[in-house]
N, C-alpha and C. Protein backbone atom coordinates (compact mmCIF):
# COMPACT_ATOMS: atom_id res chain seq x y z
N MET A 1 0.84 -1.17 0.00
CA MET A 1 0.00 0.00 0.00
C MET A 1 0.89 1.24 0.00
N ILE A 2 0.49 2.25 -0.75
CA ILE A 2 1.18 3.54 -0.79
C ILE A 2 0.25 4.57 -0.17
N ARG A 3 0.77 5.34 0.76
CA ARG A 3 -0.03 6.40 1.37
C ARG A 3 0.35 7.73 0.72
N LEU A 4 -0.66 8.45 0.24
CA LEU A 4 -0.44 9.71 -0.46
C LEU A 4 -1.01 10.88 0.32
N GLN A 5 -0.31 12.01 0.27
CA GLN A 5 -0.81 13.24 0.86
C GLN A 5 -0.64 14.36 -0.15
N TYR A 6 -1.62 15.26 -0.18
CA TYR A 6 -1.60 16.40 -1.08
C TYR A 6 -1.66 17.65 -0.22
N PHE A 7 -0.78 18.61 -0.48
CA PHE A 7 -0.67 19.78 0.37
C PHE A 7 -0.99 21.07 -0.36
N ALA A 8 -1.30 22.10 0.45
CA ALA A 8 -1.53 23.47 0.00
C ALA A 8 -2.59 23.51 -1.10
N ARG A 9 -2.32 24.24 -2.17
CA ARG A 9 -3.36 24.40 -3.20
C ARG A 9 -3.67 23.09 -3.91
N PHE A 10 -2.74 22.13 -3.90
CA PHE A 10 -3.03 20.83 -4.53
C PHE A 10 -4.20 20.16 -3.81
N ARG A 11 -4.20 20.25 -2.50
CA ARG A 11 -5.29 19.68 -1.71
C ARG A 11 -6.62 20.34 -2.10
N GLU A 12 -6.59 21.65 -2.26
CA GLU A 12 -7.80 22.38 -2.64
C GLU A 12 -8.24 22.05 -4.06
N GLN A 13 -7.30 22.00 -5.00
CA GLN A 13 -7.64 21.74 -6.40
C GLN A 13 -8.17 20.32 -6.60
N LEU A 14 -7.61 19.37 -5.86
CA LEU A 14 -8.01 17.97 -6.03
C LEU A 14 -9.20 17.58 -5.15
N GLY A 15 -9.47 18.38 -4.13
CA GLY A 15 -10.58 18.09 -3.23
C GLY A 15 -10.33 16.90 -2.33
N ILE A 16 -9.05 16.62 -2.07
CA ILE A 16 -8.69 15.47 -1.23
C ILE A 16 -7.35 15.78 -0.56
N ASP A 17 -7.20 15.38 0.69
CA ASP A 17 -5.92 15.64 1.35
C ASP A 17 -5.05 14.40 1.47
N SER A 18 -5.66 13.22 1.41
CA SER A 18 -4.86 12.00 1.49
C SER A 18 -5.67 10.82 0.95
N GLU A 19 -4.94 9.78 0.60
CA GLU A 19 -5.56 8.53 0.15
C GLU A 19 -4.51 7.43 0.19
N SER A 20 -4.96 6.22 0.06
CA SER A 20 -4.06 5.06 -0.03
C SER A 20 -4.37 4.32 -1.31
N LEU A 21 -3.32 3.85 -1.96
CA LEU A 21 -3.46 3.08 -3.19
C LEU A 21 -2.65 1.80 -3.07
N PRO A 22 -3.12 0.72 -3.68
CA PRO A 22 -2.31 -0.50 -3.67
C PRO A 22 -1.06 -0.32 -4.52
N TRP A 23 0.06 -0.76 -4.01
CA TRP A 23 1.30 -0.72 -4.78
C TRP A 23 1.33 -1.91 -5.73
N THR A 24 1.81 -1.68 -6.94
CA THR A 24 2.04 -2.75 -7.91
C THR A 24 3.41 -2.53 -8.54
N PRO A 25 4.02 -3.54 -9.14
CA PRO A 25 5.32 -3.35 -9.80
C PRO A 25 5.29 -2.30 -10.91
N ALA A 26 4.12 -2.01 -11.47
CA ALA A 26 4.01 -0.98 -12.51
C ALA A 26 4.28 0.41 -11.93
N LEU A 27 4.20 0.54 -10.62
CA LEU A 27 4.49 1.82 -9.96
C LEU A 27 5.92 1.79 -9.44
N ALA A 28 6.87 1.77 -10.36
CA ALA A 28 8.28 1.63 -9.99
C ALA A 28 8.91 2.94 -9.52
N SER A 29 8.30 4.08 -9.88
CA SER A 29 8.85 5.38 -9.49
C SER A 29 7.72 6.35 -9.19
N LEU A 30 8.09 7.49 -8.62
CA LEU A 30 7.09 8.52 -8.38
C LEU A 30 6.52 9.04 -9.68
N ARG A 31 7.31 9.04 -10.75
CA ARG A 31 6.81 9.44 -12.06
C ARG A 31 5.67 8.51 -12.51
N ASP A 32 5.87 7.20 -12.31
CA ASP A 32 4.82 6.24 -12.67
C ASP A 32 3.55 6.51 -11.86
N LEU A 33 3.72 6.81 -10.59
CA LEU A 33 2.58 7.11 -9.73
C LEU A 33 1.88 8.38 -10.20
N ARG A 34 2.65 9.43 -10.45
CA ARG A 34 2.07 10.69 -10.92
C ARG A 34 1.30 10.47 -12.22
N ASP A 35 1.89 9.71 -13.15
CA ASP A 35 1.22 9.43 -14.42
C ASP A 35 -0.07 8.66 -14.21
N ARG A 36 -0.06 7.69 -13.31
CA ARG A 36 -1.27 6.91 -13.01
C ARG A 36 -2.37 7.82 -12.45
N LEU A 37 -2.00 8.73 -11.55
CA LEU A 37 -2.97 9.66 -10.98
C LEU A 37 -3.51 10.61 -12.05
N ALA A 38 -2.65 11.06 -12.95
CA ALA A 38 -3.06 11.98 -14.02
C ALA A 38 -4.07 11.33 -14.96
N GLU A 39 -4.06 10.01 -15.05
CA GLU A 39 -5.03 9.30 -15.89
C GLU A 39 -6.46 9.49 -15.40
N ARG A 40 -6.63 10.00 -14.19
CA ARG A 40 -7.97 10.26 -13.67
C ARG A 40 -8.64 11.41 -14.41
N GLY A 41 -7.88 12.17 -15.16
CA GLY A 41 -8.42 13.32 -15.87
C GLY A 41 -8.30 14.59 -15.04
N GLU A 42 -9.08 15.59 -15.41
CA GLU A 42 -9.04 16.87 -14.69
C GLU A 42 -9.74 16.75 -13.34
N PRO A 43 -9.25 17.41 -12.34
CA PRO A 43 -8.15 18.36 -12.26
C PRO A 43 -6.78 17.70 -12.03
N TRP A 44 -6.74 16.38 -11.97
CA TRP A 44 -5.50 15.66 -11.70
C TRP A 44 -4.41 15.96 -12.72
N THR A 45 -4.78 15.95 -14.00
CA THR A 45 -3.80 16.15 -15.06
C THR A 45 -3.11 17.50 -14.92
N THR A 46 -3.89 18.55 -14.75
CA THR A 46 -3.33 19.89 -14.64
C THR A 46 -2.55 20.07 -13.34
N THR A 47 -3.11 19.63 -12.25
CA THR A 47 -2.48 19.84 -10.94
C THR A 47 -1.15 19.10 -10.83
N LEU A 48 -1.13 17.82 -11.16
CA LEU A 48 0.10 17.04 -11.00
C LEU A 48 1.04 17.16 -12.19
N GLY A 49 0.57 17.75 -13.28
CA GLY A 49 1.42 17.98 -14.45
C GLY A 49 2.16 19.29 -14.36
N HIS A 50 1.96 20.01 -13.28
CA HIS A 50 2.58 21.32 -13.06
C HIS A 50 4.11 21.19 -13.10
N SER A 51 4.77 22.09 -13.82
CA SER A 51 6.22 22.02 -13.98
C SER A 51 6.97 22.19 -12.66
N GLY A 52 6.35 22.82 -11.68
CA GLY A 52 7.01 23.02 -10.40
C GLY A 52 6.63 21.99 -9.35
N LEU A 53 6.05 20.88 -9.78
CA LEU A 53 5.61 19.84 -8.84
C LEU A 53 6.76 19.44 -7.93
N MET A 54 6.50 19.44 -6.64
CA MET A 54 7.49 18.96 -5.68
C MET A 54 6.94 17.69 -5.05
N CYS A 55 7.85 16.80 -4.67
CA CYS A 55 7.40 15.56 -4.06
C CYS A 55 8.40 15.10 -3.01
N ALA A 56 7.89 14.23 -2.15
CA ALA A 56 8.71 13.63 -1.10
C ALA A 56 8.31 12.17 -0.97
N ARG A 57 9.29 11.36 -0.65
CA ARG A 57 9.05 9.94 -0.35
C ARG A 57 9.59 9.68 1.03
N ASN A 58 8.73 9.19 1.90
CA ASN A 58 9.11 8.91 3.28
C ASN A 58 9.76 10.13 3.95
N GLU A 59 9.13 11.29 3.74
CA GLU A 59 9.49 12.57 4.35
C GLU A 59 10.81 13.15 3.88
N ALA A 60 11.35 12.67 2.76
CA ALA A 60 12.58 13.23 2.19
C ALA A 60 12.26 13.77 0.79
N LEU A 61 12.61 15.03 0.55
CA LEU A 61 12.38 15.59 -0.78
C LEU A 61 13.09 14.74 -1.83
N CYS A 62 12.46 14.62 -2.99
CA CYS A 62 13.04 13.81 -4.04
C CYS A 62 12.50 14.28 -5.38
N ASP A 63 12.94 13.65 -6.46
CA ASP A 63 12.38 13.98 -7.76
C ASP A 63 11.51 12.83 -8.24
N LEU A 64 10.93 12.99 -9.41
CA LEU A 64 9.99 11.99 -9.91
C LEU A 64 10.65 10.67 -10.30
N ASP A 65 11.98 10.64 -10.40
CA ASP A 65 12.67 9.39 -10.73
C ASP A 65 12.95 8.53 -9.49
N GLU A 66 12.54 9.00 -8.33
CA GLU A 66 12.74 8.26 -7.09
C GLU A 66 12.00 6.92 -7.14
N PRO A 67 12.68 5.83 -6.80
CA PRO A 67 12.01 4.52 -6.78
C PRO A 67 10.89 4.50 -5.75
N LEU A 68 9.86 3.74 -6.04
CA LEU A 68 8.70 3.63 -5.17
C LEU A 68 8.56 2.18 -4.72
N HIS A 69 8.26 1.99 -3.44
CA HIS A 69 8.15 0.65 -2.87
C HIS A 69 6.86 0.53 -2.06
N ASP A 70 6.42 -0.69 -1.91
CA ASP A 70 5.26 -0.96 -1.07
C ASP A 70 5.52 -0.42 0.33
N GLY A 71 4.55 0.29 0.89
CA GLY A 71 4.67 0.84 2.23
C GLY A 71 5.18 2.27 2.28
N ASP A 72 5.53 2.84 1.13
CA ASP A 72 6.04 4.21 1.11
C ASP A 72 4.95 5.23 1.40
N ASP A 73 5.38 6.35 1.96
CA ASP A 73 4.55 7.53 2.13
C ASP A 73 5.01 8.55 1.10
N VAL A 74 4.08 9.08 0.33
CA VAL A 74 4.39 10.02 -0.74
C VAL A 74 3.61 11.31 -0.52
N ALA A 75 4.25 12.43 -0.76
CA ALA A 75 3.58 13.73 -0.67
C ALA A 75 3.84 14.50 -1.96
N PHE A 76 2.79 15.15 -2.46
CA PHE A 76 2.90 16.05 -3.59
C PHE A 76 2.50 17.44 -3.12
N PHE A 77 3.28 18.46 -3.52
CA PHE A 77 2.96 19.82 -3.12
C PHE A 77 3.53 20.81 -4.13
N PRO A 78 2.93 22.01 -4.18
CA PRO A 78 3.40 23.02 -5.12
C PRO A 78 4.73 23.60 -4.66
N PRO A 79 5.41 24.32 -5.55
CA PRO A 79 6.68 24.94 -5.17
C PRO A 79 6.48 25.89 -4.00
N VAL A 80 7.47 25.96 -3.17
CA VAL A 80 7.42 26.83 -1.99
C VAL A 80 8.06 28.17 -2.38
N THR A 81 7.42 29.24 -2.00
CA THR A 81 7.99 30.56 -2.25
C THR A 81 8.33 31.21 -0.93
N GLY A 82 9.26 32.09 -0.96
CA GLY A 82 9.66 32.77 0.25
C GLY A 82 9.99 34.22 -0.06
N GLY A 83 10.33 34.92 0.95
CA GLY A 83 10.65 36.33 0.71
C GLY A 83 11.51 36.89 1.77
């Protein structure tokens, strides 16, 4: 099982803050997971297709090429701005 969390405006755009999905070998990376979620259509495609998409696996920032394993916690969130 993979536990997912969506933060900030992603949570608002998707209308969900968390969910769990069964892990399969087809979900070998966060990119595979993102692509699977985008197959849901709008607003998933636009929200997770954002060029500034940030992600974390097991509370460590990573990129979409990060390997994904059964039991992982994944978070997707928009870019952070500061001033």
